[in-house]
N, C-alpha and C. Protein backbone atom coordinates (compact mmCIF):
# COMPACT_ATOMS: atom_id res chain seq x y z
N UNK A 1 2.75 -16.40 26.98
CA UNK A 1 3.05 -14.96 26.73
C UNK A 1 1.95 -14.12 27.30
N UNK A 2 1.35 -14.55 28.39
CA UNK A 2 0.28 -13.75 29.05
C UNK A 2 0.82 -12.54 29.73
N UNK A 3 2.10 -12.47 29.98
CA UNK A 3 2.66 -11.24 30.64
C UNK A 3 2.87 -10.13 29.62
N UNK A 4 2.90 -10.47 28.38
CA UNK A 4 3.23 -9.50 27.30
C UNK A 4 2.13 -8.38 27.30
N UNK A 5 2.66 -7.14 27.27
CA UNK A 5 1.76 -5.99 27.17
C UNK A 5 1.79 -5.32 25.80
N UNK A 6 2.46 -5.93 24.88
CA UNK A 6 2.47 -5.44 23.55
C UNK A 6 3.40 -4.23 23.25
N UNK A 7 4.45 -4.10 24.03
CA UNK A 7 5.37 -2.95 23.76
C UNK A 7 6.18 -3.13 22.52
N UNK A 8 6.39 -4.35 22.05
CA UNK A 8 7.18 -4.67 20.86
C UNK A 8 8.65 -4.36 20.96
N UNK A 9 9.18 -4.17 22.16
CA UNK A 9 10.61 -3.94 22.34
C UNK A 9 11.38 -5.15 21.83
N UNK A 10 10.88 -6.35 22.10
CA UNK A 10 11.59 -7.51 21.64
C UNK A 10 11.72 -7.56 20.13
N UNK A 11 10.68 -7.16 19.46
CA UNK A 11 10.71 -7.13 17.98
C UNK A 11 11.74 -6.17 17.51
N UNK A 12 11.83 -5.00 18.15
CA UNK A 12 12.75 -3.95 17.72
C UNK A 12 14.22 -4.31 18.01
N UNK A 13 14.47 -4.98 19.09
CA UNK A 13 15.91 -5.24 19.47
C UNK A 13 16.44 -6.52 18.86
N UNK A 14 15.67 -7.34 18.24
CA UNK A 14 16.14 -8.60 17.65
C UNK A 14 17.10 -8.31 16.52
N UNK A 15 18.38 -8.70 16.64
CA UNK A 15 19.34 -8.39 15.59
C UNK A 15 19.12 -9.18 14.28
N UNK A 16 18.35 -10.25 14.37
CA UNK A 16 18.12 -11.05 13.15
C UNK A 16 16.73 -10.79 12.55
N UNK A 17 15.94 -9.92 13.19
CA UNK A 17 14.59 -9.53 12.77
C UNK A 17 13.73 -10.79 12.50
N UNK A 18 13.69 -11.68 13.53
CA UNK A 18 12.92 -12.90 13.31
C UNK A 18 11.63 -12.93 14.14
N UNK A 19 11.30 -11.82 14.81
CA UNK A 19 10.06 -11.69 15.57
C UNK A 19 9.07 -10.80 14.82
N UNK A 20 7.82 -11.11 14.93
CA UNK A 20 6.77 -10.28 14.37
C UNK A 20 5.59 -10.25 15.35
N UNK A 21 4.74 -9.30 15.20
CA UNK A 21 3.56 -9.22 16.05
C UNK A 21 2.69 -10.45 15.74
N UNK A 22 2.24 -11.13 16.78
CA UNK A 22 1.52 -12.36 16.63
C UNK A 22 0.08 -12.13 16.13
N UNK A 23 -0.60 -13.26 15.95
CA UNK A 23 -2.01 -13.21 15.43
C UNK A 23 -3.00 -13.65 16.50
N UNK A 24 -2.54 -13.99 17.67
CA UNK A 24 -3.42 -14.47 18.72
C UNK A 24 -3.36 -13.54 19.96
N UNK A 25 -4.52 -13.14 20.41
CA UNK A 25 -4.59 -12.27 21.60
C UNK A 25 -4.23 -13.03 22.85
N UNK A 26 -3.58 -12.39 23.78
CA UNK A 26 -3.27 -12.97 25.12
C UNK A 26 -4.28 -12.46 26.14
N UNK A 27 -4.11 -12.77 27.36
CA UNK A 27 -5.08 -12.35 28.40
C UNK A 27 -5.15 -10.85 28.59
N UNK A 28 -4.14 -10.13 28.20
CA UNK A 28 -4.10 -8.69 28.30
C UNK A 28 -4.67 -8.02 27.02
N UNK A 29 -5.25 -8.82 26.17
CA UNK A 29 -5.81 -8.40 24.87
C UNK A 29 -4.82 -7.67 23.96
N UNK A 30 -3.59 -8.18 23.96
CA UNK A 30 -2.60 -7.72 23.02
C UNK A 30 -2.10 -8.87 22.20
N UNK A 31 -1.35 -8.60 21.15
CA UNK A 31 -0.82 -9.64 20.30
C UNK A 31 0.65 -9.78 20.60
N UNK A 32 1.01 -10.82 21.36
CA UNK A 32 2.44 -11.05 21.70
C UNK A 32 3.22 -11.46 20.48
N UNK A 33 4.50 -11.31 20.45
CA UNK A 33 5.30 -11.61 19.29
C UNK A 33 5.37 -13.14 19.04
N UNK A 34 5.69 -13.47 17.84
CA UNK A 34 5.94 -14.86 17.46
C UNK A 34 7.09 -14.89 16.46
N UNK A 35 7.72 -16.10 16.33
CA UNK A 35 8.78 -16.23 15.37
C UNK A 35 8.27 -16.23 13.97
N UNK A 36 9.00 -15.63 13.08
CA UNK A 36 8.66 -15.66 11.67
C UNK A 36 9.01 -17.08 11.18
N UNK A 37 8.14 -17.60 10.37
CA UNK A 37 8.29 -18.98 9.89
C UNK A 37 9.68 -19.29 9.33
N UNK A 38 10.23 -20.39 9.77
CA UNK A 38 11.56 -20.89 9.32
C UNK A 38 12.68 -19.89 9.76
N UNK A 39 12.44 -19.10 10.71
CA UNK A 39 13.47 -18.17 11.23
C UNK A 39 14.50 -18.92 12.03
N UNK A 40 15.75 -18.46 12.01
CA UNK A 40 16.83 -19.11 12.68
C UNK A 40 17.30 -18.20 13.82
N UNK A 41 16.86 -18.55 15.04
CA UNK A 41 17.27 -17.82 16.21
C UNK A 41 18.71 -18.21 16.60
N UNK A 42 19.52 -17.24 17.01
CA UNK A 42 20.88 -17.54 17.42
C UNK A 42 20.98 -17.55 18.96
N UNK A 43 19.88 -17.49 19.65
CA UNK A 43 19.83 -17.49 21.09
C UNK A 43 20.70 -16.40 21.78
N UNK A 44 20.66 -15.26 21.15
CA UNK A 44 21.40 -14.09 21.70
C UNK A 44 20.74 -13.54 22.96
N UNK A 45 19.45 -13.77 23.14
CA UNK A 45 18.66 -13.39 24.27
C UNK A 45 18.42 -11.89 24.41
N UNK A 46 18.63 -11.17 23.34
CA UNK A 46 18.38 -9.73 23.35
C UNK A 46 16.90 -9.41 23.68
N UNK A 47 15.99 -10.25 23.11
CA UNK A 47 14.60 -10.05 23.42
C UNK A 47 14.32 -10.30 24.93
N UNK A 48 14.87 -11.32 25.45
CA UNK A 48 14.71 -11.65 26.88
C UNK A 48 15.28 -10.55 27.78
N UNK A 49 16.46 -10.12 27.49
CA UNK A 49 17.16 -9.12 28.29
C UNK A 49 16.45 -7.79 28.32
N UNK A 50 15.85 -7.43 27.15
CA UNK A 50 15.25 -6.09 27.05
C UNK A 50 13.79 -6.05 27.40
N UNK A 51 13.10 -7.20 27.65
CA UNK A 51 11.70 -7.24 27.98
C UNK A 51 11.49 -6.69 29.37
N UNK A 52 10.73 -5.60 29.51
CA UNK A 52 10.52 -4.98 30.83
C UNK A 52 9.65 -5.82 31.72
N UNK A 53 8.89 -6.79 31.15
CA UNK A 53 7.92 -7.58 31.96
C UNK A 53 8.29 -9.02 32.08
N UNK A 54 9.48 -9.37 31.63
CA UNK A 54 9.98 -10.80 31.66
C UNK A 54 8.93 -11.70 31.01
N UNK A 55 8.38 -11.24 29.88
CA UNK A 55 7.36 -11.98 29.21
C UNK A 55 7.82 -12.93 28.12
N UNK A 56 9.07 -12.78 27.76
CA UNK A 56 9.61 -13.62 26.69
C UNK A 56 10.96 -14.24 27.21
N UNK A 57 11.13 -15.46 26.83
CA UNK A 57 12.41 -16.11 27.19
C UNK A 57 12.85 -17.06 26.06
N UNK A 58 14.12 -17.28 25.99
CA UNK A 58 14.71 -18.06 24.89
C UNK A 58 15.11 -19.47 25.40
N UNK A 59 14.63 -20.48 24.76
CA UNK A 59 14.99 -21.87 25.03
C UNK A 59 15.26 -22.56 23.70
N UNK A 60 16.20 -23.43 23.77
CA UNK A 60 16.54 -24.19 22.59
C UNK A 60 15.71 -25.48 22.61
N UNK A 61 15.04 -25.79 21.48
CA UNK A 61 14.29 -27.04 21.39
C UNK A 61 15.26 -28.26 21.44
N UNK A 62 14.81 -29.23 22.20
CA UNK A 62 15.62 -30.42 22.26
C UNK A 62 15.01 -31.45 21.27
N UNK A 63 15.91 -31.95 20.40
CA UNK A 63 15.48 -32.96 19.46
C UNK A 63 16.24 -34.23 19.77
N UNK A 64 15.54 -35.31 20.05
CA UNK A 64 16.13 -36.60 20.29
C UNK A 64 16.29 -37.37 19.01
N UNK A 65 17.49 -37.49 18.51
CA UNK A 65 17.78 -38.15 17.26
C UNK A 65 17.93 -39.68 17.40
N UNK A 66 17.63 -40.24 18.54
CA UNK A 66 17.86 -41.70 18.67
C UNK A 66 16.69 -42.47 18.09
């Protein structure tokens, strides 16, 4: 999240309100967003689509159940 400039657009546009301002500074000395604990993302990609700096992207974790 080093591209994040802290505009918080992603936090505002999230329809499930699962993003919050993070606790760790990035290289631009801002606090990039992070998921709220136990939050359930629906992969709508609104955060990704609305980010002016392409700093956030949505990927589904792969879990190998074998």
